[in-house]
Each structure stands twice: as C-alpha cells, then as structure tokens.
Protein backbone atom coordinates (compact mmCIF):
# COMPACT_ATOMS: atom_id res chain seq x y z
CA ASP A 1 -13.33 4.63 -11.61
CA TRP A 2 -14.44 3.97 -8.02
CA THR A 3 -15.26 6.51 -5.30
CA PHE A 4 -15.98 5.82 -1.65
CA GLU A 5 -17.23 8.54 0.69
CA LEU A 6 -16.17 8.23 4.31
CA ARG A 7 -18.36 9.42 7.18
CA SER A 8 -16.46 12.72 7.30
CA GLY A 9 -17.28 13.41 3.66
CA ARG A 10 -13.67 12.81 2.59
CA LYS A 11 -13.46 10.63 -0.52
CA LEU A 12 -11.20 7.75 -1.45
CA ARG A 13 -10.81 6.95 -5.10
CA GLY A 14 -9.47 4.08 -7.11
CA TYR A 15 -10.63 1.72 -9.81
CA TYR A 16 -12.89 -1.31 -9.79
CA LEU A 17 -12.71 -4.21 -12.24
CA ALA A 18 -15.57 -6.71 -12.30
CA SER A 19 -14.85 -10.39 -12.91
CA CYS A 20 -16.88 -12.60 -15.21
CA THR A 21 -15.44 -15.82 -13.81
CA ASN A 22 -15.30 -15.33 -10.04
CA PRO A 23 -17.84 -12.67 -8.97
CA ASN A 24 -18.13 -13.91 -5.38
CA VAL A 25 -14.53 -12.93 -4.61
CA CYS A 26 -13.06 -9.43 -4.26
CA THR A 27 -9.35 -8.67 -4.08
CA VAL A 28 -8.57 -5.30 -2.52
CA MET A 29 -5.17 -3.88 -3.48
CA VAL A 30 -3.32 -1.21 -1.49
CA HIS A 31 -0.25 0.61 -2.84
CA GLY A 32 2.90 1.91 -1.19
CA TRP A 33 4.10 5.34 -0.04
CA LEU A 34 3.86 8.06 -2.73
CA ASP A 35 2.48 5.53 -5.22
CA ASN A 36 -1.14 5.04 -6.26
CA ALA A 37 -3.62 2.42 -7.43
CA ASN A 38 -1.86 2.12 -10.79
CA SER A 39 0.97 0.28 -9.01
CA PHE A 40 -0.87 -2.93 -9.85
CA ILE A 41 -1.87 -2.16 -13.42
CA TYR A 42 0.68 -4.49 -15.03
CA VAL A 43 0.03 -7.53 -12.86
CA LEU A 44 -3.75 -7.52 -13.30
CA PRO A 45 -3.79 -9.26 -16.72
CA HIS A 46 -1.90 -12.18 -15.16
CA MET A 47 -4.30 -12.45 -12.20
CA GLU A 48 -7.63 -11.85 -13.88
CA ASN A 49 -9.04 -15.37 -13.59
CA GLU A 50 -7.87 -15.90 -10.03
CA VAL A 51 -8.68 -12.83 -7.98
CA GLY A 52 -12.35 -12.19 -8.78
CA ASP A 53 -13.42 -8.57 -8.72
CA VAL A 54 -10.52 -6.17 -8.15
CA LEU A 55 -10.62 -2.95 -6.14
CA ALA A 56 -7.40 -0.91 -6.22
CA ILE A 57 -7.43 2.04 -3.83
CA ASP A 58 -5.63 5.37 -3.72
CA LEU A 59 -4.76 5.98 -0.07
CA ALA A 60 -5.58 9.36 1.44
CA GLY A 61 -3.33 12.08 0.02
CA HIS A 62 -2.22 9.81 -2.83
CA GLY A 63 -3.38 9.56 -6.41
CA LEU A 64 -6.86 10.97 -6.88
CA SER A 65 -8.06 10.51 -3.30
CA ASP A 66 -8.81 13.55 -1.14
CA HIS A 67 -6.11 14.98 1.11
CA LEU A 68 -6.54 14.97 4.86
CA PRO A 69 -7.66 18.27 6.47
CA GLU A 70 -4.88 20.78 7.14
CA ASP A 71 -4.81 20.09 10.89
CA ALA A 72 -4.70 16.31 10.44
CA HIS A 73 -1.61 14.13 10.09
CA TYR A 74 -0.76 11.11 7.97
CA ILE A 75 -0.23 8.10 10.21
CA ILE A 76 -0.59 4.45 9.30
CA MET A 77 -3.57 4.01 11.63
CA GLN A 78 -5.52 6.55 9.56
CA TYR A 79 -4.87 4.57 6.39
CA ALA A 80 -5.91 1.38 8.18
CA LEU A 81 -9.11 3.02 9.48
CA ASP A 82 -10.01 4.15 5.96
CA LEU A 83 -9.42 0.63 4.61
CA THR A 84 -11.49 -0.87 7.42
CA HIS A 85 -14.46 1.30 6.39
CA VAL A 86 -14.07 0.07 2.82
CA LEU A 87 -13.90 -3.58 3.93
CA LYS A 88 -17.00 -3.15 6.06
CA SER A 89 -18.88 -1.89 3.01
CA LEU A 90 -17.83 -4.99 1.04
CA LYS A 91 -18.43 -7.77 3.56
CA ASN A 92 -22.07 -8.38 2.63
CA LEU A 93 -21.36 -8.25 -1.10
CA TYR A 94 -18.78 -11.05 -1.35
CA HIS A 95 -18.28 -14.53 0.02
CA GLU A 96 -14.53 -14.01 0.05
CA ILE A 97 -12.33 -10.92 0.43
CA ARG A 98 -8.58 -10.96 -0.15
CA LEU A 99 -5.98 -8.27 0.55
CA VAL A 100 -2.88 -7.36 -1.43
CA GLY A 101 -0.56 -4.68 -0.05
CA HIS A 102 2.72 -3.26 -1.31
CA SER A 103 5.25 -1.70 1.09
CA LEU A 104 3.25 0.81 3.18
CA GLY A 105 0.14 -0.92 1.87
CA ALA A 106 1.32 -4.21 3.38
CA GLY A 107 1.40 -2.66 6.85
CA VAL A 108 -2.01 -1.08 6.25
CA CYS A 109 -3.46 -4.46 5.24
CA ILE A 110 -2.09 -6.15 8.36
CA LEU A 111 -3.68 -3.56 10.63
CA ALA A 112 -7.00 -3.70 8.77
CA GLU A 113 -7.00 -7.50 8.97
CA ARG A 114 -6.64 -7.27 12.74
CA SER A 115 -9.76 -5.11 12.93
CA ARG A 116 -11.81 -8.26 12.22
CA VAL A 117 -14.47 -6.08 10.59
CA CYS A 118 -14.83 -8.85 8.02
CA LYS A 119 -13.27 -12.23 7.32
CA ILE A 120 -10.14 -11.95 5.17
CA SER A 121 -9.49 -15.21 3.34
CA SER A 122 -5.86 -14.47 2.42
CA MET A 123 -3.25 -11.73 2.21
CA VAL A 124 -0.35 -11.06 -0.13
CA LEU A 125 2.31 -8.72 1.28
CA ILE A 126 4.77 -7.30 -1.25
CA GLU A 127 8.01 -5.79 0.04
CA GLY A 128 6.65 -5.23 3.52
CA ILE A 129 5.73 -7.29 6.57
CA GLY A 130 4.40 -4.73 9.02
CA PRO A 131 4.35 -1.08 10.06
CA MET A 132 7.71 0.63 10.54
CA THR A 133 8.78 0.95 14.17
CA THR A 134 10.64 3.33 16.48
CA GLU A 135 11.82 2.89 20.06
CA ASP A 136 9.22 5.13 21.66
CA GLY A 137 6.56 5.18 18.94
CA MET A 138 6.45 9.01 18.80
CA PHE A 139 9.40 10.40 16.90
CA GLY A 140 7.66 13.07 14.83
CA LEU A 141 5.85 15.15 17.43
CA VAL A 142 8.18 18.16 17.49
CA SER A 143 8.77 18.18 13.73
CA ALA A 144 5.01 17.96 13.14
CA MET A 145 4.46 21.04 15.29
CA ASP A 146 6.82 23.14 13.18
CA ALA A 147 6.06 21.66 9.76
CA PRO A 148 4.42 23.95 7.19
CA LEU A 149 0.84 23.09 6.29
CA SER A 150 1.69 22.96 2.61
CA LYS A 151 4.58 23.32 0.19
CA VAL A 152 4.83 25.08 -3.14
CA CYS A 153 4.19 22.60 -5.93
CA ARG A 154 7.04 22.18 -8.36
CA THR A 155 5.97 22.40 -11.98
CA TYR A 156 7.20 20.46 -15.03
CA PRO A 157 7.05 21.65 -18.63
CA SER A 158 5.36 18.48 -19.87
CA PHE A 159 3.81 15.22 -18.76
CA GLU A 160 6.89 13.43 -20.08
CA ALA A 161 9.18 15.56 -17.89
CA ALA A 162 7.07 14.75 -14.82
CA CYS A 163 7.19 11.10 -15.75
CA ARG A 164 10.97 11.15 -16.04
CA LYS A 165 11.18 12.78 -12.60
CA ARG A 166 8.97 10.04 -11.14
CA ALA A 167 11.20 7.38 -12.69
CA GLU A 168 14.39 8.97 -11.31
CA SER A 169 13.12 9.55 -7.77
CA ASN A 170 11.66 6.11 -7.05
CA ILE A 171 12.51 5.12 -3.47
CA GLY A 172 13.58 1.60 -4.47
CA GLY A 173 15.89 2.86 -7.22
CA PRO A 174 15.37 4.30 -10.71
CA MET A 175 12.43 2.94 -12.70
CA LYS A 176 12.07 2.46 -16.43
CA TYR A 177 10.11 5.24 -18.11
CA GLU A 178 7.31 2.89 -19.13
CA GLU A 179 7.02 1.64 -15.52
CA ALA A 180 6.73 5.19 -14.19
CA PHE A 181 4.26 6.16 -16.91
CA SER A 182 1.24 4.42 -15.36
CA LEU A 183 1.96 5.84 -11.88
CA THR A 184 2.39 9.33 -13.29
CA GLN A 185 -0.96 9.11 -15.11
CA ARG A 186 -2.67 8.99 -11.73
CA SER A 187 -0.45 11.43 -9.89
CA VAL A 188 -0.17 14.59 -12.01
CA LEU A 189 -2.58 17.15 -13.44
CA PRO A 190 -2.07 20.01 -15.91
CA ASN A 191 -1.98 23.63 -14.72
CA GLU A 192 -3.54 26.64 -16.42
CA ASP A 193 -0.15 27.67 -17.82
CA GLN A 194 0.19 24.25 -19.54
CA THR A 195 2.76 22.99 -17.03
CA TRP A 196 2.20 19.85 -14.95
CA SER A 197 2.34 19.26 -11.17
CA PHE A 198 2.17 16.23 -8.93
CA ILE A 199 -1.05 16.22 -6.93
CA HIS A 200 -0.17 14.07 -3.91
CA ASP A 201 -0.26 15.85 -0.55
CA ARG A 202 3.16 17.40 0.10
CA ARG A 203 2.77 16.55 3.80
CA LEU A 204 3.40 12.90 2.92
CA ASN A 205 7.11 13.80 2.88
CA GLN A 206 7.03 14.86 6.54
CA LYS A 207 7.94 12.53 9.37
CA SER A 208 4.99 10.60 10.70
CA LEU A 209 3.54 12.08 13.87
CA MET A 210 3.26 8.64 15.44
CA SER A 211 4.62 5.17 14.79
CA MET A 212 4.49 1.80 16.54
CA THR A 213 7.06 0.13 18.73
CA GLU A 214 8.74 -3.15 17.82
CA GLU A 215 6.89 -4.89 20.64
CA GLN A 216 3.51 -3.67 19.39
CA VAL A 217 4.16 -4.81 15.83
CA GLN A 218 5.43 -8.21 16.94
CA LYS A 219 2.26 -8.74 18.95
CA ILE A 220 0.12 -7.91 15.93
CA LEU A 221 2.10 -10.19 13.64
CA ARG A 222 1.93 -13.12 16.05
CA ALA A 223 -1.85 -12.84 16.14
CA ILE A 224 -2.31 -13.17 12.37
CA SER A 225 -3.99 -16.44 11.39
CA THR A 226 -4.97 -15.49 7.84
CA PRO A 227 -3.01 -17.50 5.23
CA THR A 228 -0.43 -15.01 3.99
CA MET A 229 2.09 -14.87 1.18
CA LEU A 230 5.15 -12.63 1.48
CA VAL A 231 6.75 -11.59 -1.83
CA LEU A 232 10.16 -9.95 -1.88
CA ASP A 233 12.37 -8.69 -4.67
CA ARG A 234 15.85 -10.16 -4.42
CA GLY A 235 17.29 -6.68 -4.97
CA GLY A 236 14.69 -4.90 -2.87
CA LEU A 237 14.82 -3.08 0.46
CA TRP A 238 13.92 -6.09 2.60
CA CYS A 239 16.03 -8.79 1.02
CA GLU A 240 19.39 -7.97 2.63
CA LEU A 241 17.81 -7.92 6.07
CA LEU A 242 16.03 -11.21 5.52
CA ASP A 243 19.24 -12.87 4.34
CA LEU A 244 20.55 -12.51 7.90
CA PHE A 245 17.87 -14.99 8.92
CA ASN A 246 18.72 -17.49 6.16
CA VAL A 247 15.40 -17.26 4.39
CA ASN A 248 16.20 -19.04 1.16
CA TYR A 249 12.88 -19.58 -0.62
CA ILE A 250 13.97 -18.03 -3.93
CA PHE A 251 11.63 -18.76 -6.80
CA GLU A 252 11.61 -17.72 -10.45
CA HIS A 253 12.41 -14.14 -11.46
CA HIS A 254 14.48 -13.65 -8.28
CA ILE A 255 11.36 -13.33 -6.12
CA LEU A 256 11.23 -14.60 -2.56
CA SER A 257 7.76 -16.07 -2.28
CA PHE A 258 6.27 -18.28 0.41
CA PHE A 259 3.12 -18.86 2.42
CA VAL A 260 3.01 -18.30 6.16
CA ARG A 261 0.29 -19.24 8.58
CA ALA A 262 1.48 -17.21 11.56
CA PHE A 263 4.02 -14.40 11.66
CA LEU A 264 6.74 -14.34 14.24
CA TRP A 265 9.13 -11.49 13.58
CA PHE A 266 11.32 -13.01 10.83
CA ALA A 267 10.31 -16.52 11.90
CA TYR A 268 8.06 -18.32 9.45
CA LYS A 269 6.11 -21.53 9.70
CA LEU A 270 5.04 -22.91 6.35
CA ARG A 271 1.65 -24.53 6.18
CA PRO A 272 2.05 -28.31 5.65
CA GLN A 273 0.25 -28.23 2.29
CA ASP A 274 2.68 -25.58 0.99
CA ARG A 275 5.93 -27.30 1.92
C-alpha cells in the first residue's frame, strides 16, 4: 500500500507496484466517481511490461484516502491539486510519467497535466474527455449551503451483501458480482456489530459547489499537446454522444480507441504515425 501526506496533513492512499522491466517509467492511474484504486486491478496483468511502475490513487473521500474537512467541498479542482502534489513528488524519480484516468479521473488528469508541474509523456482517458460543465459554472452554491455535513451510514449484514449493492448501483449499469468484488474490498469496513458499511464520504453524492463552463473546458482541451488516447465503451455513457460526430474508430471488443495530439471539443486530429 502507498500513502502520501499532503501539506495539510491529509493523506491520500493507494497502491504502488514496482516494475522489474521498466523502472524509469511511472504510470499514475486515477479512478472515477465513487470508485477507488481497485478500478484498475484487472487490467494491470495485461499492462505490466509496458507501463513501468504503477501508482493507483484513491481520490480524496474515496477508498482508503482521508475525507476532506467538514467545511470543505468536493470540486474537481481539489482532486487536480492533490494529483499535482503527487506528480511533483515523482518528477525527480522518473524519466517518464504517464497518466491514466477513468471518467472523473480523466478530467482530473487533464487539469493536472495543464499544471505543467512535470512533463507528462502520455495520457489515456477512459470514458471521459474533460470536466463536466454548466452554463454559469456555479450550480451548487445554494444546495451546498443547506446540505448536511454528513449522512447516516447504511449498514449491510455481510460483505457479500455490500458487494451485491455495489454491483446493482453502478452508475454505468449493473456490474457482475466478481467485477464489483474488487471495488468493494477497498470501499467497505466492518462495524463492531459485525455489519458492514461503505466508507466513502457521503458528501460525494451532493452537487458540486463549483463546475467549469463549456468555454473554459474547450480552452483547456485545445491547449493539450501531450499524446493522448481516448478509450470509450461502445455501450458507455459517452458513445451515443460521440456518434453524433461520426467518430467511427471502433476496434476489438467494441472499444473506441484512438490517439489524439490536440483536443478540439469532439474534433480529433490523429497523429500521422497513428493513422
């Protein structure tokens, strides 16, 4: 297991896997909303010889990482700031740092890349191409004022029951039990009465206090020069929207997968060597 203490004393946790074949490279992996570092557990055996050392992070309030203070709010910029601190700590240890982000994690990776705190050699964005947007960028202010600081944790009679609940409530549709099992291992703990409860911060279910506007996100995406791969599930949340723009790079296993050199909002320019 890996622990990183931020300047405030708050701790991020995750796991670190050292590579025997490519120790000069580190791939940092960032999960999606209400997931945790175990999101990537099944793909790691297939990537072991390519990605160098692997650092999979639990974002604040997720998995085993500390929750934010009670008077703080979960916004994507906070996640990006945390990741930027982690990247800064790695930049003198590796010749090459790569980012992999899923869903929310994809937006976090994009923002951290723009910090330029270290050189990112490549990014892989899974089911996400930027932070979510609203018209004015501040849609959660009133709801945040009235939101309770915490919620009563629901309990489950067994780990298996909690795992079934995680499988049923997946945002992208029901998961298989074995797929939910690894996520649940890092997201529940037993109680004194032998029941089980999820340990993520209940405030993650509240509306974000602040978001970004479409114009802001487009500006960020246009400025990306890091070679980037976007991976989409044909049946996923993004695919229907992308079909409107006739993006037809469908590879094996019904995955949309292609390299981009510069992002324009839903406009992609393939690098010559990848065509």
